[in-house]
Amino acid sequence: MRSAAAVILAVALAAPSVSRAEFMSGSMLSERLEANERVRAGAYRSGDISDSGFGIGFVAGVFDVYVNLSFCAPASVTIGQVARISLAFMRANPARLHENAYKLVKDALEASFPACERRQQSPSQSL
């Protein structure tokens, strides 16, 4: 058992480390959201359906992380609307497509939805 753990540790330590935490660039996400637009229009090509799903899932994840923290979206907003807001922002800011995709989605949503009002907690609520 110890030898298996030692081998796993040695492999983990020998594996090249990633120097950047960036998962996806704005350009990569933009391509996937463009695929989503083609799917919505019924004019999709090979690979567009999976690319569309990946793009929508990425945008949904960013939305879920930052909603009610960085911006407040209405309860009626759909993920399709959030994807179109994100794509419109990227189309309007092509010079930023080299940036991390999550940052572009976050900036798009912050520009589209108001900041959340900070509510003061009473001392009894914080206990």
N, C-alpha and C. Protein backbone atom coordinates (compact mmCIF):
# COMPACT_ATOMS: atom_id res chain seq x y z
N MET A 1 0.82 -1.19 0.00
CA MET A 1 0.00 0.00 0.00
C MET A 1 0.86 1.25 0.00
N ARG A 2 1.95 1.22 0.82
CA ARG A 2 2.83 2.38 0.88
C ARG A 2 3.53 2.60 -0.46
N SER A 3 3.88 1.53 -1.15
CA SER A 3 4.57 1.69 -2.43
C SER A 3 3.64 2.29 -3.47
N ALA A 4 2.37 1.94 -3.44
CA ALA A 4 1.40 2.54 -4.37
C ALA A 4 1.26 4.02 -4.09
N ALA A 5 1.20 4.40 -2.83
CA ALA A 5 1.09 5.82 -2.47
C ALA A 5 2.35 6.56 -2.88
N ALA A 6 3.50 5.93 -2.73
CA ALA A 6 4.75 6.57 -3.12
C ALA A 6 4.81 6.78 -4.63
N VAL A 7 4.33 5.80 -5.40
CA VAL A 7 4.32 5.93 -6.86
C VAL A 7 3.38 7.05 -7.28
N ILE A 8 2.21 7.11 -6.69
CA ILE A 8 1.24 8.17 -7.01
C ILE A 8 1.83 9.53 -6.68
N LEU A 9 2.47 9.66 -5.53
CA LEU A 9 3.08 10.92 -5.14
C LEU A 9 4.21 11.30 -6.10
N ALA A 10 5.01 10.34 -6.49
CA ALA A 10 6.13 10.62 -7.41
C ALA A 10 5.61 11.08 -8.76
N VAL A 11 4.56 10.44 -9.26
CA VAL A 11 3.98 10.83 -10.54
C VAL A 11 3.38 12.23 -10.44
N ALA A 12 2.68 12.52 -9.36
CA ALA A 12 2.08 13.84 -9.18
C ALA A 12 3.13 14.93 -9.11
N LEU A 13 4.24 14.66 -8.45
CA LEU A 13 5.30 15.65 -8.33
C LEU A 13 6.08 15.82 -9.62
N ALA A 14 6.16 14.76 -10.42
CA ALA A 14 6.91 14.83 -11.67
C ALA A 14 6.10 15.44 -12.80
N ALA A 15 4.79 15.45 -12.65
CA ALA A 15 3.93 16.00 -13.71
C ALA A 15 4.19 17.49 -13.87
N PRO A 16 4.17 17.96 -15.11
CA PRO A 16 4.40 19.39 -15.32
C PRO A 16 3.29 20.20 -14.67
N SER A 17 3.69 21.28 -14.06
CA SER A 17 2.69 22.12 -13.41
C SER A 17 2.20 23.18 -14.38
N VAL A 18 1.00 23.60 -14.20
CA VAL A 18 0.40 24.63 -15.03
C VAL A 18 0.76 25.98 -14.42
N SER A 19 1.33 26.85 -15.22
CA SER A 19 1.74 28.14 -14.69
C SER A 19 0.64 29.18 -14.74
N ARG A 20 -0.44 28.87 -15.47
CA ARG A 20 -1.55 29.80 -15.58
C ARG A 20 -2.82 29.09 -15.16
N ALA A 21 -3.67 29.79 -14.48
CA ALA A 21 -4.92 29.21 -14.02
C ALA A 21 -6.04 29.41 -15.03
N GLU A 22 -5.74 30.04 -16.15
CA GLU A 22 -6.76 30.33 -17.15
C GLU A 22 -7.27 29.04 -17.78
N PHE A 23 -8.56 28.89 -17.79
CA PHE A 23 -9.19 27.71 -18.36
C PHE A 23 -9.60 27.95 -19.79
N MET A 24 -10.20 29.10 -20.06
CA MET A 24 -10.71 29.39 -21.39
C MET A 24 -10.58 30.88 -21.67
N SER A 25 -10.12 31.21 -22.86
CA SER A 25 -10.02 32.61 -23.26
C SER A 25 -11.38 33.10 -23.76
N GLY A 26 -11.51 34.39 -23.83
CA GLY A 26 -12.73 34.98 -24.39
C GLY A 26 -12.96 34.55 -25.82
N SER A 27 -11.87 34.42 -26.57
CA SER A 27 -11.98 33.98 -27.96
C SER A 27 -12.57 32.58 -28.06
N MET A 28 -12.10 31.69 -27.21
CA MET A 28 -12.62 30.32 -27.21
C MET A 28 -14.09 30.29 -26.82
N LEU A 29 -14.47 31.06 -25.81
CA LEU A 29 -15.88 31.09 -25.40
C LEU A 29 -16.73 31.74 -26.47
N SER A 30 -16.23 32.80 -27.08
CA SER A 30 -16.97 33.47 -28.14
C SER A 30 -17.31 32.50 -29.26
N GLU A 31 -16.36 31.66 -29.65
CA GLU A 31 -16.61 30.65 -30.69
C GLU A 31 -17.73 29.71 -30.28
N ARG A 32 -17.75 29.33 -29.03
CA ARG A 32 -18.79 28.41 -28.56
C ARG A 32 -20.16 29.09 -28.48
N LEU A 33 -20.17 30.36 -28.12
CA LEU A 33 -21.44 31.08 -28.07
C LEU A 33 -21.93 31.43 -29.48
N GLU A 34 -21.02 31.61 -30.42
CA GLU A 34 -21.43 31.78 -31.82
C GLU A 34 -22.06 30.48 -32.32
N ALA A 35 -21.52 29.35 -31.90
CA ALA A 35 -22.11 28.05 -32.25
C ALA A 35 -23.52 27.96 -31.68
N ASN A 36 -23.71 28.47 -30.48
CA ASN A 36 -25.04 28.47 -29.87
C ASN A 36 -26.03 29.28 -30.72
N GLU A 37 -25.57 30.41 -31.25
CA GLU A 37 -26.43 31.23 -32.10
C GLU A 37 -26.82 30.48 -33.37
N ARG A 38 -25.87 29.74 -33.96
CA ARG A 38 -26.19 28.94 -35.15
C ARG A 38 -27.19 27.85 -34.81
N VAL A 39 -27.03 27.22 -33.64
CA VAL A 39 -27.97 26.17 -33.22
C VAL A 39 -29.36 26.77 -33.04
N ARG A 40 -29.43 27.92 -32.39
CA ARG A 40 -30.72 28.59 -32.18
C ARG A 40 -31.40 28.92 -33.51
N ALA A 41 -30.61 29.29 -34.52
CA ALA A 41 -31.14 29.66 -35.83
C ALA A 41 -31.45 28.44 -36.70
N GLY A 42 -31.03 27.25 -36.24
CA GLY A 42 -31.25 26.04 -37.01
C GLY A 42 -30.27 25.89 -38.16
N ALA A 43 -29.20 26.65 -38.15
CA ALA A 43 -28.21 26.61 -39.23
C ALA A 43 -26.87 26.12 -38.70
N TYR A 44 -26.92 25.09 -37.88
CA TYR A 44 -25.70 24.62 -37.24
C TYR A 44 -24.95 23.63 -38.12
N ARG A 45 -23.68 23.49 -37.78
CA ARG A 45 -22.82 22.57 -38.50
C ARG A 45 -22.24 21.56 -37.50
N SER A 46 -21.47 20.65 -38.02
CA SER A 46 -20.90 19.59 -37.19
C SER A 46 -20.13 20.18 -36.01
N GLY A 47 -20.40 19.69 -34.84
CA GLY A 47 -19.72 20.14 -33.62
C GLY A 47 -20.39 21.29 -32.91
N ASP A 48 -21.32 21.98 -33.58
CA ASP A 48 -21.94 23.15 -32.97
C ASP A 48 -22.80 22.81 -31.75
N ILE A 49 -23.46 21.68 -31.76
CA ILE A 49 -24.35 21.35 -30.64
C ILE A 49 -23.54 21.14 -29.36
N SER A 50 -22.43 20.39 -29.46
CA SER A 50 -21.62 20.19 -28.25
C SER A 50 -20.92 21.48 -27.85
N ASP A 51 -20.43 22.26 -28.83
CA ASP A 51 -19.80 23.54 -28.50
C ASP A 51 -20.80 24.48 -27.83
N SER A 52 -22.03 24.47 -28.33
CA SER A 52 -23.08 25.31 -27.77
C SER A 52 -23.35 24.93 -26.31
N GLY A 53 -23.47 23.66 -26.05
CA GLY A 53 -23.71 23.19 -24.69
C GLY A 53 -22.58 23.56 -23.75
N PHE A 54 -21.35 23.45 -24.23
CA PHE A 54 -20.20 23.81 -23.41
C PHE A 54 -20.23 25.31 -23.10
N GLY A 55 -20.50 26.13 -24.12
CA GLY A 55 -20.55 27.58 -23.92
C GLY A 55 -21.64 27.99 -22.96
N ILE A 56 -22.82 27.42 -23.12
CA ILE A 56 -23.95 27.72 -22.23
C ILE A 56 -23.62 27.29 -20.80
N GLY A 57 -23.03 26.12 -20.66
CA GLY A 57 -22.67 25.64 -19.32
C GLY A 57 -21.64 26.54 -18.65
N PHE A 58 -20.67 27.01 -19.42
CA PHE A 58 -19.65 27.90 -18.87
C PHE A 58 -20.28 29.20 -18.38
N VAL A 59 -21.12 29.80 -19.23
CA VAL A 59 -21.79 31.06 -18.87
C VAL A 59 -22.68 30.85 -17.65
N ALA A 60 -23.38 29.73 -17.60
CA ALA A 60 -24.25 29.45 -16.45
C ALA A 60 -23.44 29.35 -15.17
N GLY A 61 -22.27 28.74 -15.25
CA GLY A 61 -21.42 28.64 -14.07
C GLY A 61 -20.95 29.99 -13.56
N VAL A 62 -20.52 30.85 -14.48
CA VAL A 62 -20.09 32.19 -14.08
C VAL A 62 -21.26 32.96 -13.48
N PHE A 63 -22.42 32.86 -14.12
CA PHE A 63 -23.62 33.54 -13.62
C PHE A 63 -23.92 33.08 -12.19
N ASP A 64 -23.92 31.77 -11.99
CA ASP A 64 -24.25 31.24 -10.66
C ASP A 64 -23.26 31.68 -9.59
N VAL A 65 -22.01 31.83 -9.94
CA VAL A 65 -21.00 32.25 -8.97
C VAL A 65 -21.20 33.71 -8.57
N TYR A 66 -21.50 34.58 -9.54
CA TYR A 66 -21.49 36.02 -9.27
C TYR A 66 -22.85 36.66 -9.06
N VAL A 67 -23.95 35.97 -9.37
CA VAL A 67 -25.26 36.58 -9.16
C VAL A 67 -25.45 36.86 -7.67
N ASN A 68 -25.98 37.99 -7.37
CA ASN A 68 -26.21 38.49 -6.02
C ASN A 68 -24.92 38.85 -5.27
N LEU A 69 -23.79 38.77 -5.94
CA LEU A 69 -22.53 39.25 -5.37
C LEU A 69 -22.04 40.46 -6.15
N SER A 70 -21.85 40.28 -7.45
CA SER A 70 -21.36 41.35 -8.31
C SER A 70 -22.48 42.09 -9.03
N PHE A 71 -23.60 41.44 -9.20
CA PHE A 71 -24.76 42.02 -9.89
C PHE A 71 -26.02 41.32 -9.42
N CYS A 72 -27.15 41.98 -9.62
CA CYS A 72 -28.44 41.39 -9.27
C CYS A 72 -29.28 41.28 -10.54
N ALA A 73 -29.55 40.08 -10.96
CA ALA A 73 -30.35 39.84 -12.15
C ALA A 73 -31.79 39.56 -11.74
N PRO A 74 -32.75 39.93 -12.59
CA PRO A 74 -34.14 39.61 -12.27
C PRO A 74 -34.35 38.10 -12.26
N ALA A 75 -35.29 37.66 -11.48
CA ALA A 75 -35.58 36.23 -11.38
C ALA A 75 -36.03 35.64 -12.72
N SER A 76 -36.53 36.48 -13.60
CA SER A 76 -37.05 36.00 -14.88
C SER A 76 -35.97 35.83 -15.96
N VAL A 77 -34.73 36.20 -15.68
CA VAL A 77 -33.69 36.09 -16.70
C VAL A 77 -33.43 34.62 -17.01
N THR A 78 -33.21 34.33 -18.28
CA THR A 78 -32.92 32.95 -18.69
C THR A 78 -31.44 32.81 -19.01
N ILE A 79 -30.96 31.58 -19.02
CA ILE A 79 -29.56 31.36 -19.35
C ILE A 79 -29.30 31.73 -20.81
N GLY A 80 -30.31 31.58 -21.66
CA GLY A 80 -30.16 32.00 -23.05
C GLY A 80 -29.93 33.50 -23.15
N GLN A 81 -30.64 34.26 -22.35
CA GLN A 81 -30.43 35.71 -22.33
C GLN A 81 -29.04 36.05 -21.83
N VAL A 82 -28.60 35.36 -20.79
CA VAL A 82 -27.28 35.60 -20.23
C VAL A 82 -26.20 35.27 -21.28
N ALA A 83 -26.39 34.20 -22.03
CA ALA A 83 -25.43 33.85 -23.08
C ALA A 83 -25.40 34.91 -24.17
N ARG A 84 -26.57 35.42 -24.57
CA ARG A 84 -26.61 36.45 -25.61
C ARG A 84 -26.00 37.76 -25.12
N ILE A 85 -26.21 38.12 -23.85
CA ILE A 85 -25.59 39.31 -23.26
C ILE A 85 -24.07 39.15 -23.30
N SER A 86 -23.59 37.98 -22.93
CA SER A 86 -22.15 37.71 -22.91
C SER A 86 -21.56 37.80 -24.31
N LEU A 87 -22.23 37.19 -25.29
CA LEU A 87 -21.74 37.21 -26.67
C LEU A 87 -21.75 38.63 -27.23
N ALA A 88 -22.81 39.39 -26.95
CA ALA A 88 -22.88 40.77 -27.43
C ALA A 88 -21.72 41.60 -26.86
N PHE A 89 -21.39 41.37 -25.59
CA PHE A 89 -20.28 42.07 -24.96
C PHE A 89 -18.97 41.72 -25.65
N MET A 90 -18.77 40.45 -25.96
CA MET A 90 -17.54 40.03 -26.61
C MET A 90 -17.45 40.58 -28.03
N ARG A 91 -18.57 40.60 -28.74
CA ARG A 91 -18.58 41.18 -30.08
C ARG A 91 -18.24 42.67 -30.04
N ALA A 92 -18.71 43.35 -29.01
CA ALA A 92 -18.47 44.80 -28.88
C ALA A 92 -17.07 45.11 -28.36
N ASN A 93 -16.38 44.12 -27.82
CA ASN A 93 -15.04 44.32 -27.23
C ASN A 93 -14.04 43.29 -27.78
N PRO A 94 -13.85 43.24 -29.08
CA PRO A 94 -12.96 42.20 -29.64
C PRO A 94 -11.51 42.30 -29.16
N ALA A 95 -11.08 43.46 -28.76
CA ALA A 95 -9.70 43.62 -28.28
C ALA A 95 -9.48 42.92 -26.94
N ARG A 96 -10.55 42.52 -26.28
CA ARG A 96 -10.43 41.87 -24.98
C ARG A 96 -10.55 40.35 -25.05
N LEU A 97 -10.71 39.80 -26.25
CA LEU A 97 -10.95 38.36 -26.37
C LEU A 97 -9.79 37.49 -25.90
N HIS A 98 -8.61 38.06 -25.73
CA HIS A 98 -7.48 37.30 -25.20
C HIS A 98 -7.59 37.10 -23.69
N GLU A 99 -8.48 37.85 -23.05
CA GLU A 99 -8.63 37.77 -21.59
C GLU A 99 -9.36 36.48 -21.20
N ASN A 100 -9.30 36.18 -19.92
CA ASN A 100 -9.99 35.02 -19.38
C ASN A 100 -11.49 35.15 -19.62
N ALA A 101 -12.11 34.09 -20.10
CA ALA A 101 -13.53 34.12 -20.45
C ALA A 101 -14.42 34.46 -19.26
N TYR A 102 -14.11 33.95 -18.07
CA TYR A 102 -14.97 34.24 -16.92
C TYR A 102 -15.02 35.73 -16.66
N LYS A 103 -13.88 36.42 -16.86
CA LYS A 103 -13.82 37.86 -16.60
C LYS A 103 -14.71 38.61 -17.59
N LEU A 104 -14.72 38.20 -18.85
CA LEU A 104 -15.55 38.86 -19.84
C LEU A 104 -17.04 38.65 -19.55
N VAL A 105 -17.41 37.44 -19.16
CA VAL A 105 -18.80 37.16 -18.82
C VAL A 105 -19.20 37.99 -17.60
N LYS A 106 -18.35 38.00 -16.60
CA LYS A 106 -18.63 38.79 -15.39
C LYS A 106 -18.80 40.27 -15.73
N ASP A 107 -17.90 40.81 -16.54
CA ASP A 107 -17.98 42.22 -16.92
C ASP A 107 -19.25 42.50 -17.72
N ALA A 108 -19.62 41.58 -18.60
CA ALA A 108 -20.85 41.74 -19.39
C ALA A 108 -22.08 41.79 -18.49
N LEU A 109 -22.11 40.92 -17.50
CA LEU A 109 -23.27 40.86 -16.61
C LEU A 109 -23.31 42.06 -15.67
N GLU A 110 -22.14 42.50 -15.22
CA GLU A 110 -22.09 43.69 -14.37
C GLU A 110 -22.54 44.93 -15.15
N ALA A 111 -22.24 44.98 -16.44
CA ALA A 111 -22.65 46.11 -17.27
C ALA A 111 -24.15 46.07 -17.59
N SER A 112 -24.73 44.88 -17.56
CA SER A 112 -26.14 44.72 -17.94
C SER A 112 -27.11 44.74 -16.77
N PHE A 113 -26.65 44.32 -15.61
CA PHE A 113 -27.52 44.24 -14.45
C PHE A 113 -26.99 45.16 -13.35
N PRO A 114 -27.89 45.70 -12.55
CA PRO A 114 -27.44 46.62 -11.49
C PRO A 114 -26.68 45.90 -10.38
N ALA A 115 -25.89 46.68 -9.70
CA ALA A 115 -25.19 46.15 -8.52
C ALA A 115 -26.23 45.85 -7.44
N CYS A 116 -25.93 44.88 -6.64
CA CYS A 116 -26.84 44.52 -5.54
C CYS A 116 -26.72 45.54 -4.42
N GLU A 117 -27.84 45.84 -3.83
CA GLU A 117 -27.82 46.72 -2.66
C GLU A 117 -27.34 45.91 -1.47
N ARG A 118 -26.45 46.49 -0.74
CA ARG A 118 -25.94 45.83 0.48
C ARG A 118 -26.92 46.09 1.61
N ARG A 119 -27.37 45.02 2.21
CA ARG A 119 -28.29 45.14 3.34
C ARG A 119 -27.49 45.00 4.63
N GLN A 120 -27.76 45.88 5.53
CA GLN A 120 -27.12 45.81 6.85
C GLN A 120 -27.77 44.69 7.65
N GLN A 121 -26.95 43.85 8.23
CA GLN A 121 -27.47 42.83 9.12
C GLN A 121 -27.56 43.38 10.52
N SER A 122 -28.65 43.06 11.17
CA SER A 122 -28.75 43.45 12.57
C SER A 122 -27.86 42.48 13.36
N PRO A 123 -27.40 42.89 14.53
CA PRO A 123 -26.53 42.00 15.33
C PRO A 123 -27.16 40.64 15.59
N SER A 124 -28.47 40.57 15.72
CA SER A 124 -29.10 39.28 15.99
C SER A 124 -29.06 38.37 14.76
N GLN A 125 -29.02 38.95 13.53
CA GLN A 125 -28.97 38.14 12.32
C GLN A 125 -27.59 37.56 12.09
N SER A 126 -26.57 38.20 12.58
CA SER A 126 -25.20 37.71 12.33
C SER A 126 -24.81 36.60 13.29
N LEU A 127 -25.58 36.34 14.31
CA LEU A 127 -25.25 35.27 15.27
C LEU A 127 -25.70 33.98 14.75
